[in-house]
Amino acid sequence: MPIGTFTAGNGLKGISVTSVMSSYFAPATRLYYAIGACVGLSGGIKVYLKCSSGDPDASKAVSCFFACIFLIVTATILRSFCL
């Protein structure tokens, strides 16, 4: 048998896998947004509590807030590239 018979195909399996993978992006993006909202809310509360108590070291709380922004931006970029 020639080698070409084993590697030849019309690409339908690849197209079906791509459509299945793209169907997961909308729920995954919503999950990222939900996690980002929870992390951002808790980070905002931590920053507010540290600032209102007069604690000068609020850097850990601010990093939690920036993690929220990172999650939201990552989800938006992944969605724009993959859909």
C-alpha atoms as a PDB file:
ATOM      1  CA  MET A   1       0.000   0.000   0.000  1.00  0.00           C
ATOM      2  CA  PRO A   2       1.220   3.478  -0.775  1.00  0.00           C
ATOM      3  CA  ILE A   3       1.840   5.815   2.136  1.00  0.00           C
ATOM      4  CA  GLY A   4      -0.638   8.369   0.804  1.00  0.00           C
ATOM      5  CA  THR A   5      -3.611   6.138   1.558  1.00  0.00           C
ATOM      6  CA  PHE A   6      -2.938   6.237   5.274  1.00  0.00           C
ATOM      7  CA  THR A   7      -2.531  10.001   5.508  1.00  0.00           C
ATOM      8  CA  ALA A   8      -5.198  11.086   3.050  1.00  0.00           C
ATOM      9  CA  GLY A   9      -8.430  12.424   4.444  1.00  0.00           C
ATOM     10  CA  ASN A  10     -10.998  15.104   3.897  1.00  0.00           C
ATOM     11  CA  GLY A  11     -10.510  16.852   7.255  1.00  0.00           C
ATOM     12  CA  LEU A  12     -13.983  16.254   8.665  1.00  0.00           C
ATOM     13  CA  LYS A  13     -12.588  14.967  11.963  1.00  0.00           C
ATOM     14  CA  GLY A  14     -10.567  18.147  12.389  1.00  0.00           C
ATOM     15  CA  ILE A  15     -13.557  20.333  11.623  1.00  0.00           C
ATOM     16  CA  SER A  16     -15.756  18.476  14.112  1.00  0.00           C
ATOM     17  CA  VAL A  17     -13.104  18.739  16.834  1.00  0.00           C
ATOM     18  CA  THR A  18     -12.786  22.464  16.170  1.00  0.00           C
ATOM     19  CA  SER A  19     -16.526  22.987  16.489  1.00  0.00           C
ATOM     20  CA  VAL A  20     -16.619  20.986  19.729  1.00  0.00           C
ATOM     21  CA  MET A  21     -13.724  22.987  21.186  1.00  0.00           C
ATOM     22  CA  SER A  22     -15.268  26.304  20.180  1.00  0.00           C
ATOM     23  CA  SER A  23     -18.518  25.308  21.897  1.00  0.00           C
ATOM     24  CA  TYR A  24     -16.622  25.172  25.217  1.00  0.00           C
ATOM     25  CA  PHE A  25     -15.309  28.733  24.991  1.00  0.00           C
ATOM     26  CA  ALA A  26     -18.533  30.542  25.899  1.00  0.00           C
ATOM     27  CA  PRO A  27     -19.052  28.649  29.201  1.00  0.00           C
ATOM     28  CA  ALA A  28     -15.336  28.829  29.992  1.00  0.00           C
ATOM     29  CA  THR A  29     -15.335  32.582  29.399  1.00  0.00           C
ATOM     30  CA  ARG A  30     -18.337  32.999  31.685  1.00  0.00           C
ATOM     31  CA  LEU A  31     -16.558  30.927  34.331  1.00  0.00           C
ATOM     32  CA  TYR A  32     -13.455  33.149  34.059  1.00  0.00           C
ATOM     33  CA  TYR A  33     -15.641  36.240  34.402  1.00  0.00           C
ATOM     34  CA  ALA A  34     -17.363  34.789  37.483  1.00  0.00           C
ATOM     35  CA  ILE A  35     -14.050  33.864  39.115  1.00  0.00           C
ATOM     36  CA  GLY A  36     -12.646  37.289  38.237  1.00  0.00           C
ATOM     37  CA  ALA A  37     -15.680  38.987  39.759  1.00  0.00           C
ATOM     38  CA  CYS A  38     -15.334  37.019  43.003  1.00  0.00           C
ATOM     39  CA  VAL A  39     -11.598  37.678  43.237  1.00  0.00           C
ATOM     40  CA  GLY A  40     -12.097  41.363  42.405  1.00  0.00           C
ATOM     41  CA  LEU A  41     -14.856  41.779  44.958  1.00  0.00           C
ATOM     42  CA  SER A  42     -12.837  40.121  47.703  1.00  0.00           C
ATOM     43  CA  GLY A  43      -9.755  42.136  46.693  1.00  0.00           C
ATOM     44  CA  GLY A  44     -11.703  45.378  46.743  1.00  0.00           C
ATOM     45  CA  ILE A  45     -13.080  44.587  50.194  1.00  0.00           C
ATOM     46  CA  LYS A  46      -9.585  43.737  51.471  1.00  0.00           C
ATOM     47  CA  VAL A  47      -8.156  46.987  50.095  1.00  0.00           C
ATOM     48  CA  TYR A  48     -10.996  48.993  51.636  1.00  0.00           C
ATOM     49  CA  LEU A  49     -10.581  47.309  55.026  1.00  0.00           C
ATOM     50  CA  LYS A  50      -6.808  47.791  55.036  1.00  0.00           C
ATOM     51  CA  CYS A  51      -7.057  51.430  54.003  1.00  0.00           C
ATOM     52  CA  SER A  52      -9.801  52.223  56.480  1.00  0.00           C
ATOM     53  CA  SER A  53      -7.909  50.583  59.338  1.00  0.00           C
ATOM     54  CA  GLY A  54      -4.774  52.589  58.529  1.00  0.00           C
ATOM     55  CA  ASP A  55      -2.612  49.614  57.585  1.00  0.00           C
ATOM     56  CA  PRO A  56       0.214  50.944  55.406  1.00  0.00           C
ATOM     57  CA  ASP A  57       0.910  47.568  53.764  1.00  0.00           C
ATOM     58  CA  ALA A  58      -1.968  46.995  51.391  1.00  0.00           C
ATOM     59  CA  SER A  59       0.192  45.505  48.626  1.00  0.00           C
ATOM     60  CA  LYS A  60      -1.129  41.949  49.052  1.00  0.00           C
ATOM     61  CA  ALA A  61      -4.694  43.158  48.793  1.00  0.00           C
ATOM     62  CA  VAL A  62      -3.901  45.246  45.732  1.00  0.00           C
ATOM     63  CA  SER A  63      -2.279  42.239  44.048  1.00  0.00           C
ATOM     64  CA  CYS A  64      -5.525  40.294  44.582  1.00  0.00           C
ATOM     65  CA  PHE A  65      -7.398  43.115  42.863  1.00  0.00           C
ATOM     66  CA  PHE A  66      -4.996  43.078  39.909  1.00  0.00           C
ATOM     67  CA  ALA A  67      -5.442  39.301  39.649  1.00  0.00           C
ATOM     68  CA  CYS A  68      -9.103  40.012  38.921  1.00  0.00           C
ATOM     69  CA  ILE A  69      -8.175  42.363  36.107  1.00  0.00           C
ATOM     70  CA  PHE A  70      -5.750  39.768  34.714  1.00  0.00           C
ATOM     71  CA  LEU A  71      -8.449  37.072  34.697  1.00  0.00           C
ATOM     72  CA  ILE A  72     -10.927  39.281  32.875  1.00  0.00           C
ATOM     73  CA  VAL A  73      -8.407  40.436  30.274  1.00  0.00           C
ATOM     74  CA  THR A  74      -7.183  36.864  29.722  1.00  0.00           C
ATOM     75  CA  ALA A  75     -10.706  35.576  29.184  1.00  0.00           C
ATOM     76  CA  THR A  76     -11.471  38.372  26.729  1.00  0.00           C
ATOM     77  CA  ILE A  77      -8.275  37.828  24.741  1.00  0.00           C
ATOM     78  CA  LEU A  78      -8.731  34.046  24.587  1.00  0.00           C
ATOM     79  CA  ARG A  79     -12.288  34.491  23.403  1.00  0.00           C
ATOM     80  CA  SER A  80     -11.284  36.952  20.700  1.00  0.00           C
ATOM     81  CA  PHE A  81      -8.456  34.744  19.417  1.00  0.00           C
ATOM     82  CA  CYS A  82     -10.264  31.427  19.459  1.00  0.00           C
ATOM     83  CA  LEU A  83     -13.738  32.262  18.205  1.00  0.00           C
END
